[in-house]
Amino acid sequence: MKKLTVRIEDYIFDRLFLVAKDNSTSANKIVNVILEKYINEPREINYLKEIDNKLQKLNDNIEKISKRQYLHFKLSKQHFANFGYLSNADINEDKCLKQLLNTKDNFNE
């Protein structure tokens, strides 16, 4: 059997010894069991959380794009409605366009 020295934080050290005391065994055996379980675990299971995080980021990005496309669609509809009307030529006077641009859509969140 080989020896290994490990440095851990104080709170982890305290928790480790509490677990060892509850199981009536030594801290070395607890660390050995933890490491053995982690090493022998199939890799697919180890990476499921990472895959889930990446899928969540992709889903968030797709939602951002969808919200931006919807805003673009509303702006395009307003542009089409204003096309050719001289009364709506001034952007600063277009009440509908102002309303579209000032809505609290939070499409960047």
PDB file of N, CA and C in Angstrom:
ATOM      1  N   MET A   1       0.845  -1.168   0.000  1.00  0.00           N
ATOM      2  CA  MET A   1       0.000   0.000   0.000  1.00  0.00           C
ATOM      3  C   MET A   1       0.896   1.239   0.000  1.00  0.00           C
ATOM      4  N   LYS A   2       0.522   2.214  -0.805  1.00  0.00           N
ATOM      5  CA  LYS A   2       1.276   3.464  -0.942  1.00  0.00           C
ATOM      6  C   LYS A   2       0.702   4.536  -0.033  1.00  0.00           C
ATOM      7  N   LYS A   3       1.534   5.531   0.298  1.00  0.00           N
ATOM      8  CA  LYS A   3       1.096   6.665   1.095  1.00  0.00           C
ATOM      9  C   LYS A   3       0.951   7.879   0.202  1.00  0.00           C
ATOM     10  N   LEU A   4      -0.008   8.732   0.550  1.00  0.00           N
ATOM     11  CA  LEU A   4      -0.266   9.956  -0.192  1.00  0.00           C
ATOM     12  C   LEU A   4      -0.627  11.052   0.804  1.00  0.00           C
ATOM     13  N   THR A   5      -0.033  12.208   0.632  1.00  0.00           N
ATOM     14  CA  THR A   5      -0.360  13.341   1.491  1.00  0.00           C
ATOM     15  C   THR A   5      -1.288  14.269   0.726  1.00  0.00           C
ATOM     16  N   VAL A   6      -2.379  14.663   1.377  1.00  0.00           N
ATOM     17  CA  VAL A   6      -3.376  15.511   0.742  1.00  0.00           C
ATOM     18  C   VAL A   6      -3.603  16.730   1.633  1.00  0.00           C
ATOM     19  N   ARG A   7      -3.658  17.910   1.012  1.00  0.00           N
ATOM     20  CA  ARG A   7      -3.965  19.126   1.749  1.00  0.00           C
ATOM     21  C   ARG A   7      -5.420  19.481   1.478  1.00  0.00           C
ATOM     22  N   ILE A   8      -6.174  19.689   2.563  1.00  0.00           N
ATOM     23  CA  ILE A   8      -7.582  20.040   2.427  1.00  0.00           C
ATOM     24  C   ILE A   8      -7.908  21.212   3.345  1.00  0.00           C
ATOM     25  N   GLU A   9      -8.998  21.871   3.048  1.00  0.00           N
ATOM     26  CA  GLU A   9      -9.444  23.000   3.865  1.00  0.00           C
ATOM     27  C   GLU A   9      -9.885  22.506   5.249  1.00  0.00           C
ATOM     28  N   ASP A  10      -9.874  23.413   6.199  1.00  0.00           N
ATOM     29  CA  ASP A  10     -10.220  23.053   7.583  1.00  0.00           C
ATOM     30  C   ASP A  10     -11.635  22.502   7.711  1.00  0.00           C
ATOM     31  N   TYR A  11     -12.589  23.143   7.025  1.00  0.00           N
ATOM     32  CA  TYR A  11     -13.972  22.677   7.167  1.00  0.00           C
ATOM     33  C   TYR A  11     -14.153  21.298   6.550  1.00  0.00           C
ATOM     34  N   ILE A  12     -13.435  20.999   5.469  1.00  0.00           N
ATOM     35  CA  ILE A  12     -13.515  19.657   4.875  1.00  0.00           C
ATOM     36  C   ILE A  12     -12.865  18.639   5.804  1.00  0.00           C
ATOM     37  N   PHE A  13     -11.754  19.037   6.420  1.00  0.00           N
ATOM     38  CA  PHE A  13     -11.068  18.179   7.377  1.00  0.00           C
ATOM     39  C   PHE A  13     -12.004  17.819   8.534  1.00  0.00           C
ATOM     40  N   ASP A  14     -12.699  18.821   9.070  1.00  0.00           N
ATOM     41  CA  ASP A  14     -13.626  18.572  10.183  1.00  0.00           C
ATOM     42  C   ASP A  14     -14.773  17.659   9.765  1.00  0.00           C
ATOM     43  N   ARG A  15     -15.319  17.895   8.586  1.00  0.00           N
ATOM     44  CA  ARG A  15     -16.418  17.048   8.101  1.00  0.00           C
ATOM     45  C   ARG A  15     -15.949  15.616   7.865  1.00  0.00           C
ATOM     46  N   LEU A  16     -14.722  15.472   7.359  1.00  0.00           N
ATOM     47  CA  LEU A  16     -14.158  14.145   7.109  1.00  0.00           C
ATOM     48  C   LEU A  16     -14.048  13.360   8.412  1.00  0.00           C
ATOM     49  N   PHE A  17     -13.562  14.002   9.449  1.00  0.00           N
ATOM     50  CA  PHE A  17     -13.427  13.305  10.721  1.00  0.00           C
ATOM     51  C   PHE A  17     -14.783  13.036  11.381  1.00  0.00           C
ATOM     52  N   LEU A  18     -15.773  13.888  11.131  1.00  0.00           N
ATOM     53  CA  LEU A  18     -17.112  13.602  11.636  1.00  0.00           C
ATOM     54  C   LEU A  18     -17.706  12.366  10.958  1.00  0.00           C
ATOM     55  N   VAL A  19     -17.504  12.257   9.636  1.00  0.00           N
ATOM     56  CA  VAL A  19     -17.986  11.084   8.893  1.00  0.00           C
ATOM     57  C   VAL A  19     -17.268   9.837   9.376  1.00  0.00           C
ATOM     58  N   ALA A  20     -15.964   9.940   9.582  1.00  0.00           N
ATOM     59  CA  ALA A  20     -15.191   8.797  10.068  1.00  0.00           C
ATOM     60  C   ALA A  20     -15.670   8.372  11.455  1.00  0.00           C
ATOM     61  N   LYS A  21     -15.932   9.341  12.309  1.00  0.00           N
ATOM     62  CA  LYS A  21     -16.406   9.035  13.663  1.00  0.00           C
ATOM     63  C   LYS A  21     -17.784   8.376  13.620  1.00  0.00           C
ATOM     64  N   ASP A  22     -18.676   8.897  12.753  1.00  0.00           N
ATOM     65  CA  ASP A  22     -20.021   8.308  12.627  1.00  0.00           C
ATOM     66  C   ASP A  22     -19.966   6.874  12.132  1.00  0.00           C
ATOM     67  N   ASN A  23     -18.991   6.554  11.288  1.00  0.00           N
ATOM     68  CA  ASN A  23     -18.879   5.203  10.727  1.00  0.00           C
ATOM     69  C   ASN A  23     -17.904   4.327  11.504  1.00  0.00           C
ATOM     70  N   SER A  24     -17.370   4.831  12.594  1.00  0.00           N
ATOM     71  CA  SER A  24     -16.417   4.100  13.442  1.00  0.00           C
ATOM     72  C   SER A  24     -15.252   3.557  12.632  1.00  0.00           C
ATOM     73  N   THR A  25     -14.647   4.417  11.852  1.00  0.00           N
ATOM     74  CA  THR A  25     -13.504   4.031  11.038  1.00  0.00           C
ATOM     75  C   THR A  25     -12.526   5.197  10.990  1.00  0.00           C
ATOM     76  N   SER A  26     -11.436   5.030  10.262  1.00  0.00           N
ATOM     77  CA  SER A  26     -10.433   6.098  10.186  1.00  0.00           C
ATOM     78  C   SER A  26     -10.707   7.010   8.993  1.00  0.00           C
ATOM     79  N   ALA A  27     -10.135   8.201   9.072  1.00  0.00           N
ATOM     80  CA  ALA A  27     -10.277   9.160   7.982  1.00  0.00           C
ATOM     81  C   ALA A  27      -9.596   8.642   6.718  1.00  0.00           C
ATOM     82  N   ASN A  28      -8.493   7.916   6.882  1.00  0.00           N
ATOM     83  CA  ASN A  28      -7.789   7.356   5.722  1.00  0.00           C
ATOM     84  C   ASN A  28      -8.682   6.393   4.942  1.00  0.00           C
ATOM     85  N   LYS A  29      -9.439   5.571   5.653  1.00  0.00           N
ATOM     86  CA  LYS A  29     -10.336   4.627   4.973  1.00  0.00           C
ATOM     87  C   LYS A  29     -11.462   5.369   4.251  1.00  0.00           C
ATOM     88  N   ILE A  30     -11.970   6.437   4.866  1.00  0.00           N
ATOM     89  CA  ILE A  30     -13.024   7.228   4.220  1.00  0.00           C
ATOM     90  C   ILE A  30     -12.499   7.852   2.937  1.00  0.00           C
ATOM     91  N   VAL A  31     -11.313   8.451   2.989  1.00  0.00           N
ATOM     92  CA  VAL A  31     -10.707   9.061   1.801  1.00  0.00           C
ATOM     93  C   VAL A  31     -10.471   7.997   0.738  1.00  0.00           C
ATOM     94  N   ASN A  32     -10.002   6.824   1.134  1.00  0.00           N
ATOM     95  CA  ASN A  32      -9.764   5.731   0.195  1.00  0.00           C
ATOM     96  C   ASN A  32     -11.059   5.315  -0.502  1.00  0.00           C
ATOM     97  N   VAL A  33     -12.146   5.209   0.263  1.00  0.00           N
ATOM     98  CA  VAL A  33     -13.445   4.821  -0.315  1.00  0.00           C
ATOM     99  C   VAL A  33     -13.928   5.883  -1.292  1.00  0.00           C
ATOM    100  N   ILE A  34     -13.795   7.161  -0.913  1.00  0.00           N
ATOM    101  CA  ILE A  34     -14.242   8.259  -1.782  1.00  0.00           C
ATOM    102  C   ILE A  34     -13.466   8.250  -3.092  1.00  0.00           C
ATOM    103  N   LEU A  35     -12.145   8.143  -3.004  1.00  0.00           N
ATOM    104  CA  LEU A  35     -11.320   8.142  -4.219  1.00  0.00           C
ATOM    105  C   LEU A  35     -11.600   6.925  -5.094  1.00  0.00           C
ATOM    106  N   GLU A  36     -11.742   5.786  -4.467  1.00  0.00           N
ATOM    107  CA  GLU A  36     -12.013   4.562  -5.233  1.00  0.00           C
ATOM    108  C   GLU A  36     -13.356   4.667  -5.962  1.00  0.00           C
ATOM    109  N   LYS A  37     -14.359   5.179  -5.260  1.00  0.00           N
ATOM    110  CA  LYS A  37     -15.681   5.327  -5.879  1.00  0.00           C
ATOM    111  C   LYS A  37     -15.620   6.302  -7.051  1.00  0.00           C
ATOM    112  N   TYR A  38     -14.915   7.420  -6.887  1.00  0.00           N
ATOM    113  CA  TYR A  38     -14.808   8.413  -7.949  1.00  0.00           C
ATOM    114  C   TYR A  38     -14.056   7.863  -9.158  1.00  0.00           C
ATOM    115  N   ILE A  39     -12.970   7.164  -8.925  1.00  0.00           N
ATOM    116  CA  ILE A  39     -12.145   6.635 -10.023  1.00  0.00           C
ATOM    117  C   ILE A  39     -12.867   5.520 -10.773  1.00  0.00           C
ATOM    118  N   ASN A  40     -13.595   4.676 -10.060  1.00  0.00           N
ATOM    119  CA  ASN A  40     -14.275   3.538 -10.695  1.00  0.00           C
ATOM    120  C   ASN A  40     -15.613   3.897 -11.330  1.00  0.00           C
ATOM    121  N   GLU A  41     -16.091   5.116 -11.110  1.00  0.00           N
ATOM    122  CA  GLU A  41     -17.351   5.549 -11.699  1.00  0.00           C
ATOM    123  C   GLU A  41     -17.187   5.697 -13.213  1.00  0.00           C
ATOM    124  N   PRO A  42     -18.160   5.233 -13.995  1.00  0.00           N
ATOM    125  CA  PRO A  42     -18.034   5.384 -15.451  1.00  0.00           C
ATOM    126  C   PRO A  42     -17.945   6.847 -15.853  1.00  0.00           C
ATOM    127  N   ARG A  43     -17.144   7.121 -16.853  1.00  0.00           N
ATOM    128  CA  ARG A  43     -16.905   8.492 -17.280  1.00  0.00           C
ATOM    129  C   ARG A  43     -18.173   9.180 -17.801  1.00  0.00           C
ATOM    130  N   GLU A  44     -19.059   8.437 -18.426  1.00  0.00           N
ATOM    131  CA  GLU A  44     -20.279   9.054 -18.940  1.00  0.00           C
ATOM    132  C   GLU A  44     -21.070   9.721 -17.816  1.00  0.00           C
ATOM    133  N   ILE A  45     -21.106   9.085 -16.680  1.00  0.00           N
ATOM    134  CA  ILE A  45     -21.842   9.636 -15.546  1.00  0.00           C
ATOM    135  C   ILE A  45     -21.127  10.877 -15.013  1.00  0.00           C
ATOM    136  N   ASN A  46     -19.799  10.872 -15.033  1.00  0.00           N
ATOM    137  CA  ASN A  46     -19.043  12.023 -14.546  1.00  0.00           C
ATOM    138  C   ASN A  46     -19.313  13.271 -15.378  1.00  0.00           C
ATOM    139  N   TYR A  47     -19.580  13.116 -16.661  1.00  0.00           N
ATOM    140  CA  TYR A  47     -19.710  14.259 -17.545  1.00  0.00           C
ATOM    141  C   TYR A  47     -21.159  14.666 -17.805  1.00  0.00           C
ATOM    142  N   LEU A  48     -22.101  14.013 -17.186  1.00  0.00           N
ATOM    143  CA  LEU A  48     -23.505  14.365 -17.423  1.00  0.00           C
ATOM    144  C   LEU A  48     -23.815  15.792 -16.975  1.00  0.00           C
ATOM    145  N   LYS A  49     -23.271  16.201 -15.854  1.00  0.00           N
ATOM    146  CA  LYS A  49     -23.525  17.558 -15.367  1.00  0.00           C
ATOM    147  C   LYS A  49     -22.918  18.586 -16.322  1.00  0.00           C
ATOM    148  N   GLU A  50     -21.731  18.314 -16.825  1.00  0.00           N
ATOM    149  CA  GLU A  50     -21.096  19.223 -17.786  1.00  0.00           C
ATOM    150  C   GLU A  50     -21.913  19.321 -19.074  1.00  0.00           C
ATOM    151  N   ILE A  51     -22.400  18.199 -19.544  1.00  0.00           N
ATOM    152  CA  ILE A  51     -23.234  18.180 -20.748  1.00  0.00           C
ATOM    153  C   ILE A  51     -24.529  18.948 -20.496  1.00  0.00           C
ATOM    154  N   ASP A  52     -25.114  18.753 -19.317  1.00  0.00           N
ATOM    155  CA  ASP A  52     -26.343  19.472 -18.967  1.00  0.00           C
ATOM    156  C   ASP A  52     -26.103  20.975 -18.945  1.00  0.00           C
ATOM    157  N   ASN A  53     -24.980  21.410 -18.396  1.00  0.00           N
ATOM    158  CA  ASN A  53     -24.658  22.846 -18.365  1.00  0.00           C
ATOM    159  C   ASN A  53     -24.502  23.414 -19.768  1.00  0.00           C
ATOM    160  N   LYS A  54     -23.832  22.673 -20.648  1.00  0.00           N
ATOM    161  CA  LYS A  54     -23.649  23.147 -22.018  1.00  0.00           C
ATOM    162  C   LYS A  54     -24.985  23.220 -22.759  1.00  0.00           C
ATOM    163  N   LEU A  55     -25.837  22.227 -22.539  1.00  0.00           N
ATOM    164  CA  LEU A  55     -27.153  22.251 -23.173  1.00  0.00           C
ATOM    165  C   LEU A  55     -27.992  23.411 -22.654  1.00  0.00           C
ATOM    166  N   GLN A  56     -27.870  23.714 -21.367  1.00  0.00           N
ATOM    167  CA  GLN A  56     -28.606  24.844 -20.795  1.00  0.00           C
ATOM    168  C   GLN A  56     -28.124  26.158 -21.403  1.00  0.00           C
ATOM    169  N   LYS A  57     -26.807  26.308 -21.594  1.00  0.00           N
ATOM    170  CA  LYS A  57     -26.270  27.521 -22.221  1.00  0.00           C
ATOM    171  C   LYS A  57     -26.780  27.651 -23.656  1.00  0.00           C
ATOM    172  N   LEU A  58     -26.792  26.534 -24.389  1.00  0.00           N
ATOM    173  CA  LEU A  58     -27.317  26.552 -25.755  1.00  0.00           C
ATOM    174  C   LEU A  58     -28.790  26.950 -25.778  1.00  0.00           C
ATOM    175  N   ASN A  59     -29.556  26.402 -24.844  1.00  0.00           N
ATOM    176  CA  ASN A  59     -30.969  26.728 -24.761  1.00  0.00           C
ATOM    177  C   ASN A  59     -31.170  28.211 -24.456  1.00  0.00           C
ATOM    178  N   ASP A  60     -30.368  28.756 -23.556  1.00  0.00           N
ATOM    179  CA  ASP A  60     -30.450  30.186 -23.232  1.00  0.00           C
ATOM    180  C   ASP A  60     -30.116  31.042 -24.444  1.00  0.00           C
ATOM    181  N   ASN A  61     -29.089  30.646 -25.188  1.00  0.00           N
ATOM    182  CA  ASN A  61     -28.713  31.398 -26.390  1.00  0.00           C
ATOM    183  C   ASN A  61     -29.801  31.333 -27.453  1.00  0.00           C
ATOM    184  N   ILE A  62     -30.421  30.178 -27.610  1.00  0.00           N
ATOM    185  CA  ILE A  62     -31.514  30.037 -28.576  1.00  0.00           C
ATOM    186  C   ILE A  62     -32.678  30.936 -28.178  1.00  0.00           C
ATOM    187  N   GLU A  63     -32.952  31.014 -26.882  1.00  0.00           N
ATOM    188  CA  GLU A  63     -34.045  31.878 -26.417  1.00  0.00           C
ATOM    189  C   GLU A  63     -33.725  33.353 -26.666  1.00  0.00           C
ATOM    190  N   LYS A  64     -32.474  33.758 -26.444  1.00  0.00           N
ATOM    191  CA  LYS A  64     -32.074  35.146 -26.727  1.00  0.00           C
ATOM    192  C   LYS A  64     -32.273  35.469 -28.201  1.00  0.00           C
ATOM    193  N   ILE A  65     -31.830  34.549 -29.062  1.00  0.00           N
ATOM    194  CA  ILE A  65     -31.969  34.758 -30.505  1.00  0.00           C
ATOM    195  C   ILE A  65     -33.439  34.854 -30.882  1.00  0.00           C
ATOM    196  N   SER A  66     -34.252  33.996 -30.294  1.00  0.00           N
ATOM    197  CA  SER A  66     -35.686  34.012 -30.591  1.00  0.00           C
ATOM    198  C   SER A  66     -36.321  35.344 -30.201  1.00  0.00           C
ATOM    199  N   LYS A  67     -35.960  35.867 -29.026  1.00  0.00           N
ATOM    200  CA  LYS A  67     -36.514  37.149 -28.582  1.00  0.00           C
ATOM    201  C   LYS A  67     -36.049  38.278 -29.489  1.00  0.00           C
ATOM    202  N   ARG A  68     -34.808  38.235 -29.913  1.00  0.00           N
ATOM    203  CA  ARG A  68     -34.294  39.275 -30.810  1.00  0.00           C
ATOM    204  C   ARG A  68     -34.965  39.189 -32.170  1.00  0.00           C
ATOM    205  N   GLN A  69     -35.210  37.967 -32.648  1.00  0.00           N
ATOM    206  CA  GLN A  69     -35.908  37.814 -33.921  1.00  0.00           C
ATOM    207  C   GLN A  69     -37.325  38.350 -33.824  1.00  0.00           C
ATOM    208  N   TYR A  70     -37.974  38.139 -32.685  1.00  0.00           N
ATOM    209  CA  TYR A  70     -39.328  38.640 -32.510  1.00  0.00           C
ATOM    210  C   TYR A  70     -39.338  40.169 -32.518  1.00  0.00           C
ATOM    211  N   LEU A  71     -38.365  40.798 -31.855  1.00  0.00           N
ATOM    212  CA  LEU A  71     -38.275  42.258 -31.874  1.00  0.00           C
ATOM    213  C   LEU A  71     -38.018  42.745 -33.299  1.00  0.00           C
ATOM    214  N   HIS A  72     -37.141  42.062 -34.019  1.00  0.00           N
ATOM    215  CA  HIS A  72     -36.867  42.431 -35.405  1.00  0.00           C
ATOM    216  C   HIS A  72     -38.127  42.302 -36.252  1.00  0.00           C
ATOM    217  N   PHE A  73     -38.902  41.258 -36.015  1.00  0.00           N
ATOM    218  CA  PHE A  73     -40.153  41.057 -36.738  1.00  0.00           C
ATOM    219  C   PHE A  73     -41.126  42.207 -36.472  1.00  0.00           C
ATOM    220  N   LYS A  74     -41.249  42.614 -35.191  1.00  0.00           N
ATOM    221  CA  LYS A  74     -42.154  43.721 -34.862  1.00  0.00           C
ATOM    222  C   LYS A  74     -41.679  45.016 -35.515  1.00  0.00           C
ATOM    223  N   LEU A  75     -40.365  45.249 -35.518  1.00  0.00           N
ATOM    224  CA  LEU A  75     -39.830  46.456 -36.151  1.00  0.00           C
ATOM    225  C   LEU A  75     -40.057  46.424 -37.656  1.00  0.00           C
ATOM    226  N   SER A  76     -39.907  45.243 -38.262  1.00  0.00           N
ATOM    227  CA  SER A  76     -40.136  45.116 -39.705  1.00  0.00           C
ATOM    228  C   SER A  76     -41.593  45.383 -40.052  1.00  0.00           C
ATOM    229  N   LYS A  77     -42.508  44.886 -39.218  1.00  0.00           N
ATOM    230  CA  LYS A  77     -43.927  45.155 -39.452  1.00  0.00           C
ATOM    231  C   LYS A  77     -44.209  46.648 -39.369  1.00  0.00           C
ATOM    232  N   GLN A  78     -43.605  47.321 -38.382  1.00  0.00           N
ATOM    233  CA  GLN A  78     -43.812  48.757 -38.242  1.00  0.00           C
ATOM    234  C   GLN A  78     -43.225  49.502 -39.435  1.00  0.00           C
ATOM    235  N   HIS A  79     -42.063  49.062 -39.899  1.00  0.00           N
ATOM    236  CA  HIS A  79     -41.443  49.690 -41.070  1.00  0.00           C
ATOM    237  C   HIS A  79     -42.345  49.526 -42.297  1.00  0.00           C
ATOM    238  N   PHE A  80     -42.886  48.324 -42.477  1.00  0.00           N
ATOM    239  CA  PHE A  80     -43.773  48.072 -43.594  1.00  0.00           C
ATOM    240  C   PHE A  80     -45.020  48.955 -43.502  1.00  0.00           C
ATOM    241  N   ALA A  81     -45.550  49.110 -42.280  1.00  0.00           N
ATOM    242  CA  ALA A  81     -46.744  49.937 -42.100  1.00  0.00           C
ATOM    243  C   ALA A  81     -46.447  51.395 -42.402  1.00  0.00           C
ATOM    244  N   ASN A  82     -45.239  51.841 -42.094  1.00  0.00           N
ATOM    245  CA  ASN A  82     -44.877  53.245 -42.297  1.00  0.00           C
ATOM    246  C   ASN A  82     -44.384  53.532 -43.716  1.00  0.00           C
ATOM    247  N   PHE A  83     -44.099  52.507 -44.467  1.00  0.00           N
ATOM    248  CA  PHE A  83     -43.500  52.693 -45.784  1.00  0.00           C
ATOM    249  C   PHE A  83     -44.420  53.506 -46.682  1.00  0.00           C
ATOM    250  N   GLY A  84     -43.908  54.594 -47.159  1.00  0.00           N
ATOM    251  CA  GLY A  84     -44.657  55.410 -48.107  1.00  0.00           C
ATOM    252  C   GLY A  84     -45.531  56.463 -47.476  1.00  0.00           C
ATOM    253  N   TYR A  85     -45.645  56.495 -46.179  1.00  0.00           N
ATOM    254  CA  TYR A  85     -46.463  57.516 -45.529  1.00  0.00           C
ATOM    255  C   TYR A  85     -45.566  58.651 -45.062  1.00  0.00           C
ATOM    256  N   LEU A  86     -45.739  59.802 -45.630  1.00  0.00           N
ATOM    257  CA  LEU A  86     -44.896  60.943 -45.322  1.00  0.00           C
ATOM    258  C   LEU A  86     -45.088  61.416 -43.886  1.00  0.00           C
ATOM    259  N   SER A  87     -46.273  61.190 -43.318  1.00  0.00           N
ATOM    260  CA  SER A  87     -46.527  61.646 -41.943  1.00  0.00           C
ATOM    261  C   SER A  87     -45.697  60.867 -40.928  1.00  0.00           C
ATOM    262  N   ASN A  88     -45.281  59.634 -41.266  1.00  0.00           N
ATOM    263  CA  ASN A  88     -44.489  58.818 -40.349  1.00  0.00           C
ATOM    264  C   ASN A  88     -43.010  58.785 -40.732  1.00  0.00           C
ATOM    265  N   ALA A  89     -42.580  59.661 -41.600  1.00  0.00           N
ATOM    266  CA  ALA A  89     -41.207  59.633 -42.068  1.00  0.00           C
ATOM    267  C   ALA A  89     -40.213  59.997 -40.963  1.00  0.00           C
ATOM    268  N   ASP A  90     -40.599  60.866 -40.038  1.00  0.00           N
ATOM    269  CA  ASP A  90     -39.707  61.274 -38.961  1.00  0.00           C
ATOM    270  C   ASP A  90     -39.757  60.236 -37.841  1.00  0.00           C
ATOM    271  N   ILE A  91     -38.616  59.595 -37.577  1.00  0.00           N
ATOM    272  CA  ILE A  91     -38.558  58.536 -36.562  1.00  0.00           C
ATOM    273  C   ILE A  91     -38.913  59.079 -35.183  1.00  0.00           C
ATOM    274  N   ASN A  92     -38.504  60.318 -34.903  1.00  0.00           N
ATOM    275  CA  ASN A  92     -38.766  60.897 -33.591  1.00  0.00           C
ATOM    276  C   ASN A  92     -40.248  61.167 -33.343  1.00  0.00           C
ATOM    277  N   GLU A  93     -41.028  61.260 -34.397  1.00  0.00           N
ATOM    278  CA  GLU A  93     -42.459  61.530 -34.263  1.00  0.00           C
ATOM    279  C   GLU A  93     -43.317  60.278 -34.363  1.00  0.00           C
ATOM    280  N   ASP A  94     -42.731  59.146 -34.705  1.00  0.00           N
ATOM    281  CA  ASP A  94     -43.482  57.908 -34.890  1.00  0.00           C
ATOM    282  C   ASP A  94     -43.794  57.277 -33.532  1.00  0.00           C
ATOM    283  N   LYS A  95     -45.023  57.411 -33.077  1.00  0.00           N
ATOM    284  CA  LYS A  95     -45.412  56.930 -31.759  1.00  0.00           C
ATOM    285  C   LYS A  95     -45.342  55.407 -31.664  1.00  0.00           C
ATOM    286  N   CYS A  96     -45.747  54.710 -32.701  1.00  0.00           N
ATOM    287  CA  CYS A  96     -45.727  53.244 -32.679  1.00  0.00           C
ATOM    288  C   CYS A  96     -44.297  52.717 -32.584  1.00  0.00           C
ATOM    289  N   LEU A  97     -43.391  53.321 -33.358  1.00  0.00           N
ATOM    290  CA  LEU A  97     -41.999  52.885 -33.331  1.00  0.00           C
ATOM    291  C   LEU A  97     -41.372  53.172 -31.968  1.00  0.00           C
ATOM    292  N   LYS A  98     -41.674  54.334 -31.415  1.00  0.00           N
ATOM    293  CA  LYS A  98     -41.175  54.659 -30.073  1.00  0.00           C
ATOM    294  C   LYS A  98     -41.657  53.626 -29.054  1.00  0.00           C
ATOM    295  N   GLN A  99     -42.913  53.258 -29.159  1.00  0.00           N
ATOM    296  CA  GLN A  99     -43.472  52.283 -28.235  1.00  0.00           C
ATOM    297  C   GLN A  99     -42.774  50.933 -28.382  1.00  0.00           C
ATOM    298  N   LEU A 100     -42.511  50.506 -29.598  1.00  0.00           N
ATOM    299  CA  LEU A 100     -41.813  49.241 -29.829  1.00  0.00           C
ATOM    300  C   LEU A 100     -40.405  49.258 -29.248  1.00  0.00           C
ATOM    301  N   LEU A 101     -39.692  50.354 -29.488  1.00  0.00           N
ATOM    302  CA  LEU A 101     -38.310  50.425 -29.032  1.00  0.00           C
ATOM    303  C   LEU A 101     -38.194  50.608 -27.526  1.00  0.00           C
ATOM    304  N   ASN A 102     -39.190  51.174 -26.902  1.00  0.00           N
ATOM    305  CA  ASN A 102     -39.109  51.447 -25.469  1.00  0.00           C
ATOM    306  C   ASN A 102     -39.769  50.391 -24.599  1.00  0.00           C
ATOM    307  N   THR A 103     -40.298  49.339 -25.193  1.00  0.00           N
ATOM    308  CA  THR A 103     -40.927  48.298 -24.376  1.00  0.00           C
ATOM    309  C   THR A 103     -39.872  47.600 -23.546  1.00  0.00           C
ATOM    310  N   LYS A 104     -40.276  47.182 -22.387  1.00  0.00           N
ATOM    311  CA  LYS A 104     -39.384  46.458 -21.483  1.00  0.00           C
ATOM    312  C   LYS A 104     -39.420  44.975 -21.832  1.00  0.00           C
ATOM    313  N   ASP A 105     -38.882  44.648 -22.998  1.00  0.00           N
ATOM    314  CA  ASP A 105     -38.927  43.273 -23.494  1.00  0.00           C
ATOM    315  C   ASP A 105     -37.845  42.418 -22.844  1.00  0.00           C
ATOM    316  N   ASN A 106     -36.755  43.042 -22.411  1.00  0.00           N
ATOM    317  CA  ASN A 106     -35.620  42.343 -21.815  1.00  0.00           C
ATOM    318  C   ASN A 106     -35.132  41.200 -22.710  1.00  0.00           C
ATOM    319  N   PHE A 107     -35.003  41.490 -23.986  1.00  0.00           N
ATOM    320  CA  PHE A 107     -34.590  40.421 -24.890  1.00  0.00           C
ATOM    321  C   PHE A 107     -33.114  40.092 -24.755  1.00  0.00           C
ATOM    322  N   ASN A 108     -32.376  40.842 -23.984  1.00  0.00           N
ATOM    323  CA  ASN A 108     -30.960  40.534 -23.764  1.00  0.00           C
ATOM    324  C   ASN A 108     -30.720  39.687 -22.524  1.00  0.00           C
ATOM    325  N   GLU A 109     -31.743  39.359 -21.800  1.00  0.00           N
ATOM    326  CA  GLU A 109     -31.546  38.577 -20.575  1.00  0.00           C
ATOM    327  C   GLU A 109     -31.634  37.107 -20.853  1.00  0.00           C
TER     328      GLU A 109
END
